[in-house]
């Protein structure tokens, strides 16, 4: 695959994944494709709920924060969990609300069936 096609794929994937996280970050910048012949990738700036900004790179290796030594992650969720305690708390809050709503619906369904 041509490096520019690979970089475009990473850019598309990074944009889509970041949009799915918009509920738990302050903002997401524009994606930049990096069609390097040896390691095509894409980057995006994310402003965390804490107010700090990070630039995330997606390549064949995975997700990593640009300009830092550190791990590369298979999922953006794992990177955000490490970088942003507020992201983790917001995600837990949303998951709890979803589970509570499902439980409420189940209880209502059970009450209707027994009536």
C-alpha atoms as a PDB file:
ATOM      1  CA  UNK A   1       0.000   0.000   0.000  1.00  0.00           C
ATOM      2  CA  UNK A   2       1.232   3.482  -0.857  1.00  0.00           C
ATOM      3  CA  UNK A   3       2.426   5.472   2.227  1.00  0.00           C
ATOM      4  CA  UNK A   4       0.003   8.325   1.457  1.00  0.00           C
ATOM      5  CA  UNK A   5      -2.907   5.845   1.298  1.00  0.00           C
ATOM      6  CA  UNK A   6      -1.794   4.305   4.583  1.00  0.00           C
ATOM      7  CA  UNK A   7      -1.485   7.731   6.210  1.00  0.00           C
ATOM      8  CA  UNK A   8      -4.950   8.659   4.905  1.00  0.00           C
ATOM      9  CA  UNK A   9      -6.334   5.451   6.415  1.00  0.00           C
ATOM     10  CA  UNK A  10      -4.747   6.287   9.790  1.00  0.00           C
ATOM     11  CA  UNK A  11      -6.111   9.843   9.558  1.00  0.00           C
ATOM     12  CA  UNK A  12      -9.627   8.579   8.892  1.00  0.00           C
ATOM     13  CA  UNK A  13      -9.411   6.033  11.696  1.00  0.00           C
ATOM     14  CA  UNK A  14      -7.993   8.571  14.156  1.00  0.00           C
ATOM     15  CA  UNK A  15     -10.715  11.114  13.350  1.00  0.00           C
ATOM     16  CA  UNK A  16     -13.474   8.524  13.769  1.00  0.00           C
ATOM     17  CA  UNK A  17     -12.098   7.183  17.054  1.00  0.00           C
ATOM     18  CA  UNK A  18     -11.633  10.695  18.465  1.00  0.00           C
ATOM     19  CA  UNK A  19     -15.189  11.665  17.541  1.00  0.00           C
ATOM     20  CA  UNK A  20     -16.427   8.659  19.512  1.00  0.00           C
ATOM     21  CA  UNK A  21     -14.597  10.069  22.558  1.00  0.00           C
ATOM     22  CA  UNK A  22     -15.972  13.616  22.267  1.00  0.00           C
ATOM     23  CA  UNK A  23     -18.214  13.108  25.325  1.00  0.00           C
ATOM     24  CA  UNK A  24     -15.179  12.827  27.588  1.00  0.00           C
ATOM     25  CA  UNK A  25     -12.673  15.329  26.183  1.00  0.00           C
ATOM     26  CA  UNK A  26     -12.840  19.114  25.825  1.00  0.00           C
ATOM     27  CA  UNK A  27     -12.015  19.300  22.149  1.00  0.00           C
ATOM     28  CA  UNK A  28     -10.462  17.500  19.221  1.00  0.00           C
ATOM     29  CA  UNK A  29      -8.388  19.285  16.592  1.00  0.00           C
ATOM     30  CA  UNK A  30      -7.897  18.586  12.910  1.00  0.00           C
ATOM     31  CA  UNK A  31      -6.165  15.393  11.831  1.00  0.00           C
ATOM     32  CA  UNK A  32      -2.816  15.614  10.051  1.00  0.00           C
ATOM     33  CA  UNK A  33      -1.657  12.782   7.760  1.00  0.00           C
ATOM     34  CA  UNK A  34       2.056  11.962   7.804  1.00  0.00           C
ATOM     35  CA  UNK A  35       2.798   9.949   4.633  1.00  0.00           C
ATOM     36  CA  UNK A  36       6.377   9.001   5.557  1.00  0.00           C
ATOM     37  CA  UNK A  37       7.752   6.167   3.432  1.00  0.00           C
ATOM     38  CA  UNK A  38       9.126   4.250   6.420  1.00  0.00           C
ATOM     39  CA  UNK A  39       6.326   4.842   8.944  1.00  0.00           C
ATOM     40  CA  UNK A  40       3.115   6.475   7.703  1.00  0.00           C
ATOM     41  CA  UNK A  41       0.879   7.797  10.476  1.00  0.00           C
ATOM     42  CA  UNK A  42      -1.585  10.498  11.495  1.00  0.00           C
ATOM     43  CA  UNK A  43      -1.719  12.958  14.385  1.00  0.00           C
ATOM     44  CA  UNK A  44      -4.425  14.888  16.193  1.00  0.00           C
ATOM     45  CA  UNK A  45      -4.477  17.331  19.100  1.00  0.00           C
ATOM     46  CA  UNK A  46      -6.850  16.462  21.937  1.00  0.00           C
ATOM     47  CA  UNK A  47      -7.666  18.843  24.776  1.00  0.00           C
ATOM     48  CA  UNK A  48      -8.428  16.784  27.855  1.00  0.00           C
ATOM     49  CA  UNK A  49     -11.108  17.625  30.420  1.00  0.00           C
ATOM     50  CA  UNK A  50      -8.306  18.780  32.724  1.00  0.00           C
ATOM     51  CA  UNK A  51      -7.501  21.522  30.186  1.00  0.00           C
ATOM     52  CA  UNK A  52      -4.156  20.122  29.030  1.00  0.00           C
ATOM     53  CA  UNK A  53      -3.551  19.275  25.393  1.00  0.00           C
ATOM     54  CA  UNK A  54      -1.793  16.253  23.973  1.00  0.00           C
ATOM     55  CA  UNK A  55      -0.944  15.313  20.409  1.00  0.00           C
ATOM     56  CA  UNK A  56      -1.773  11.694  19.669  1.00  0.00           C
ATOM     57  CA  UNK A  57      -0.083   9.763  16.881  1.00  0.00           C
ATOM     58  CA  UNK A  58      -1.618   6.657  15.279  1.00  0.00           C
ATOM     59  CA  UNK A  59       0.628   4.323  13.297  1.00  0.00           C
ATOM     60  CA  UNK A  60       0.980   0.607  12.689  1.00  0.00           C
ATOM     61  CA  UNK A  61       2.371   0.338  16.237  1.00  0.00           C
ATOM     62  CA  UNK A  62      -0.750   1.922  17.783  1.00  0.00           C
ATOM     63  CA  UNK A  63      -1.590   5.127  19.672  1.00  0.00           C
ATOM     64  CA  UNK A  64       1.051   7.179  21.480  1.00  0.00           C
ATOM     65  CA  UNK A  65       1.521  10.696  22.830  1.00  0.00           C
ATOM     66  CA  UNK A  66       3.883  12.675  20.583  1.00  0.00           C
ATOM     67  CA  UNK A  67       7.026  14.062  22.203  1.00  0.00           C
ATOM     68  CA  UNK A  68       7.078  11.688  25.156  1.00  0.00           C
ATOM     69  CA  UNK A  69       8.814   8.476  25.929  1.00  0.00           C
ATOM     70  CA  UNK A  70       6.219   6.000  26.963  1.00  0.00           C
ATOM     71  CA  UNK A  71       4.030   3.152  25.911  1.00  0.00           C
ATOM     72  CA  UNK A  72       2.149   2.698  22.670  1.00  0.00           C
ATOM     73  CA  UNK A  73      -1.446   1.603  23.123  1.00  0.00           C
ATOM     74  CA  UNK A  74      -3.644  -0.703  21.084  1.00  0.00           C
ATOM     75  CA  UNK A  75      -6.717   1.444  21.840  1.00  0.00           C
ATOM     76  CA  UNK A  76      -7.150   5.193  22.294  1.00  0.00           C
ATOM     77  CA  UNK A  77      -9.229   4.390  25.405  1.00  0.00           C
ATOM     78  CA  UNK A  78      -6.154   2.955  27.121  1.00  0.00           C
ATOM     79  CA  UNK A  79      -4.100   6.047  26.322  1.00  0.00           C
ATOM     80  CA  UNK A  80      -6.839   8.412  27.555  1.00  0.00           C
ATOM     81  CA  UNK A  81      -7.319   6.375  30.715  1.00  0.00           C
ATOM     82  CA  UNK A  82      -3.650   6.894  31.563  1.00  0.00           C
ATOM     83  CA  UNK A  83      -3.532  10.566  30.540  1.00  0.00           C
ATOM     84  CA  UNK A  84      -6.816  11.831  31.995  1.00  0.00           C
ATOM     85  CA  UNK A  85      -8.317  10.839  35.346  1.00  0.00           C
ATOM     86  CA  UNK A  86     -11.310  13.028  34.454  1.00  0.00           C
ATOM     87  CA  UNK A  87     -11.806  11.016  31.232  1.00  0.00           C
ATOM     88  CA  UNK A  88     -11.952   7.835  33.311  1.00  0.00           C
ATOM     89  CA  UNK A  89     -14.436   9.378  35.755  1.00  0.00           C
ATOM     90  CA  UNK A  90     -16.660  10.725  32.946  1.00  0.00           C
ATOM     91  CA  UNK A  91     -16.628   7.375  31.176  1.00  0.00           C
ATOM     92  CA  UNK A  92     -17.585   5.578  34.400  1.00  0.00           C
ATOM     93  CA  UNK A  93     -20.375   8.111  34.999  1.00  0.00           C
ATOM     94  CA  UNK A  94     -21.807   7.501  31.519  1.00  0.00           C
ATOM     95  CA  UNK A  95     -21.541   3.713  31.793  1.00  0.00           C
ATOM     96  CA  UNK A  96     -23.247   3.800  35.196  1.00  0.00           C
ATOM     97  CA  UNK A  97     -26.092   5.912  33.797  1.00  0.00           C
ATOM     98  CA  UNK A  98     -26.550   3.468  30.914  1.00  0.00           C
ATOM     99  CA  UNK A  99     -26.633   0.487  33.273  1.00  0.00           C
ATOM    100  CA  UNK A 100     -29.103   2.234  35.578  1.00  0.00           C
ATOM    101  CA  UNK A 101     -31.387   2.966  32.616  1.00  0.00           C
ATOM    102  CA  UNK A 102     -31.208  -0.647  31.445  1.00  0.00           C
ATOM    103  CA  UNK A 103     -32.026  -1.830  34.952  1.00  0.00           C
ATOM    104  CA  UNK A 104     -34.984   0.564  35.140  1.00  0.00           C
ATOM    105  CA  UNK A 105     -36.299  -0.683  31.798  1.00  0.00           C
ATOM    106  CA  UNK A 106     -35.910  -4.305  32.886  1.00  0.00           C
ATOM    107  CA  UNK A 107     -37.826  -3.606  36.098  1.00  0.00           C
ATOM    108  CA  UNK A 108     -40.626  -1.905  34.139  1.00  0.00           C
ATOM    109  CA  UNK A 109     -40.808  -4.832  31.710  1.00  0.00           C
ATOM    110  CA  UNK A 110     -41.005  -7.313  34.585  1.00  0.00           C
ATOM    111  CA  UNK A 111     -43.787  -5.308  36.249  1.00  0.00           C
ATOM    112  CA  UNK A 112     -45.794  -5.228  32.991  1.00  0.00           C
ATOM    113  CA  UNK A 113     -45.424  -8.976  32.540  1.00  0.00           C
ATOM    114  CA  UNK A 114     -46.645  -9.752  36.060  1.00  0.00           C
ATOM    115  CA  UNK A 115     -49.641  -7.397  35.803  1.00  0.00           C
END
